[in-house]
Amino acid sequence: MKYITTQRAAKLYSVNNSRICQKYRAKELPGIILNRELFIIVEDHIVDTSDIEPNTFKTVEDLAKEHGKDIRTIQRWCTSGKLPAKKIGRNWFILTKR
């Protein structure tokens, strides 16, 4: 599963940005909203790596290791809103690129 921006999805589906947003609201396209930005979820075989925004998300574990902090500290920061993050299922995803 890959997360792509609405701009890349619009290019992929040959429509404009607003049409991608309409399809998301109509539940025709799966997606998530992170920090006021919509990301469309596509299968791995639909896009190659050049279509993906590189380093868009980090996991709690990655961020904790990178900054030398405890995992629970990063989770608290996510919960409190100190980090731009979204909880998907049991996992937090931290937006690293704006």
Protein backbone atom coordinates (compact mmCIF):
# COMPACT_ATOMS: atom_id res chain seq x y z
CA MET A 1 0.00 0.00 0.00
CA LYS A 2 1.37 3.43 -0.97
CA TYR A 3 0.30 6.91 0.05
CA ILE A 4 0.38 9.53 -2.67
CA THR A 5 -0.59 13.19 -2.69
CA THR A 6 -3.70 14.38 -4.45
CA GLN A 7 -1.51 16.08 -7.06
CA ARG A 8 0.12 12.78 -7.98
CA ALA A 9 -3.24 10.99 -7.91
CA ALA A 10 -4.68 13.62 -10.26
CA LYS A 11 -1.82 12.96 -12.70
CA LEU A 12 -2.24 9.21 -12.34
CA TYR A 13 -6.01 9.27 -13.00
CA SER A 14 -5.84 12.13 -15.57
CA VAL A 15 -8.25 14.38 -13.68
CA ASN A 16 -7.83 17.59 -11.71
CA ASN A 17 -7.17 17.90 -7.98
CA SER A 18 -10.72 18.80 -7.03
CA ARG A 19 -12.06 15.69 -8.80
CA ILE A 20 -9.74 13.51 -6.67
CA CYS A 21 -11.11 15.18 -3.53
CA GLN A 22 -14.70 14.61 -4.75
CA LYS A 23 -13.97 10.93 -5.38
CA TYR A 24 -12.48 10.64 -1.87
CA ARG A 25 -15.56 12.26 -0.27
CA ALA A 26 -17.82 9.95 -2.30
CA LYS A 27 -15.76 7.01 -1.01
CA GLU A 28 -14.72 6.05 -4.54
CA LEU A 29 -11.02 6.43 -3.62
CA PRO A 30 -9.49 5.34 -0.30
CA GLY A 31 -7.42 7.93 1.50
CA ILE A 32 -6.40 9.50 4.78
CA ILE A 33 -6.11 13.08 5.92
CA LEU A 34 -2.93 13.96 7.76
CA ASN A 35 -2.35 17.45 9.08
CA ARG A 36 -4.98 18.89 6.72
CA GLU A 37 -3.50 17.17 3.68
CA LEU A 38 -5.28 14.37 1.83
CA PHE A 39 -3.28 11.31 0.82
CA ILE A 40 -4.74 8.75 -1.57
CA ILE A 41 -4.00 5.10 -0.83
CA VAL A 42 -3.03 3.02 -3.86
CA GLU A 43 -1.80 -0.52 -4.31
CA ASP A 44 1.91 -1.15 -4.90
CA HIS A 45 1.42 -2.34 -8.48
CA ILE A 46 -0.41 0.83 -9.58
CA VAL A 47 2.49 3.26 -9.15
CA ASP A 48 6.23 2.91 -9.33
CA THR A 49 8.57 4.52 -6.84
CA SER A 50 8.98 7.70 -8.88
CA ASP A 51 5.31 8.52 -8.26
CA ILE A 52 5.58 8.31 -4.48
CA GLU A 53 6.42 11.23 -2.24
CA PRO A 54 9.66 10.07 -0.62
CA ASN A 55 9.96 10.10 3.18
CA THR A 56 6.42 11.35 3.74
CA PHE A 57 5.78 9.37 6.93
CA LYS A 58 7.80 8.02 9.82
CA THR A 59 6.77 5.50 12.43
CA VAL A 60 7.00 6.10 16.15
CA GLU A 61 9.85 3.59 16.36
CA ASP A 62 11.84 5.30 13.61
CA LEU A 63 11.43 8.74 15.17
CA ALA A 64 12.31 7.47 18.67
CA LYS A 65 15.49 5.83 17.39
CA GLU A 66 16.42 8.88 15.33
CA HIS A 67 16.07 11.30 18.26
CA GLY A 68 17.18 9.00 21.07
CA LYS A 69 13.80 9.17 22.83
CA ASP A 70 11.59 6.50 24.32
CA ILE A 71 8.75 5.17 22.15
CA ARG A 72 6.19 6.14 24.80
CA THR A 73 7.46 9.74 24.72
CA ILE A 74 6.90 9.95 20.96
CA GLN A 75 3.42 8.40 21.39
CA ARG A 76 2.56 11.03 24.04
CA TRP A 77 3.73 13.77 21.69
CA CYS A 78 1.49 12.34 18.97
CA THR A 79 -1.50 12.14 21.31
CA SER A 80 -1.00 15.68 22.62
CA GLY A 81 -0.66 17.15 19.13
CA LYS A 82 2.96 18.18 19.61
CA LEU A 83 3.80 16.22 16.44
CA PRO A 84 1.75 16.27 13.21
CA ALA A 85 0.58 12.67 13.36
CA LYS A 86 -2.36 10.43 12.57
CA LYS A 87 -3.30 7.17 14.25
CA ILE A 88 -4.22 4.49 11.75
CA GLY A 89 -5.35 1.34 13.50
CA ARG A 90 -2.89 0.85 16.36
CA ASN A 91 -0.03 2.72 14.69
CA TRP A 92 0.93 6.37 14.68
CA PHE A 93 2.29 7.87 11.47
CA ILE A 94 4.18 11.14 11.78
CA LEU A 95 4.08 13.52 8.84
CA THR A 96 7.67 14.49 8.06
CA LYS A 97 7.20 16.52 4.89
CA ARG A 98 4.88 19.48 4.57
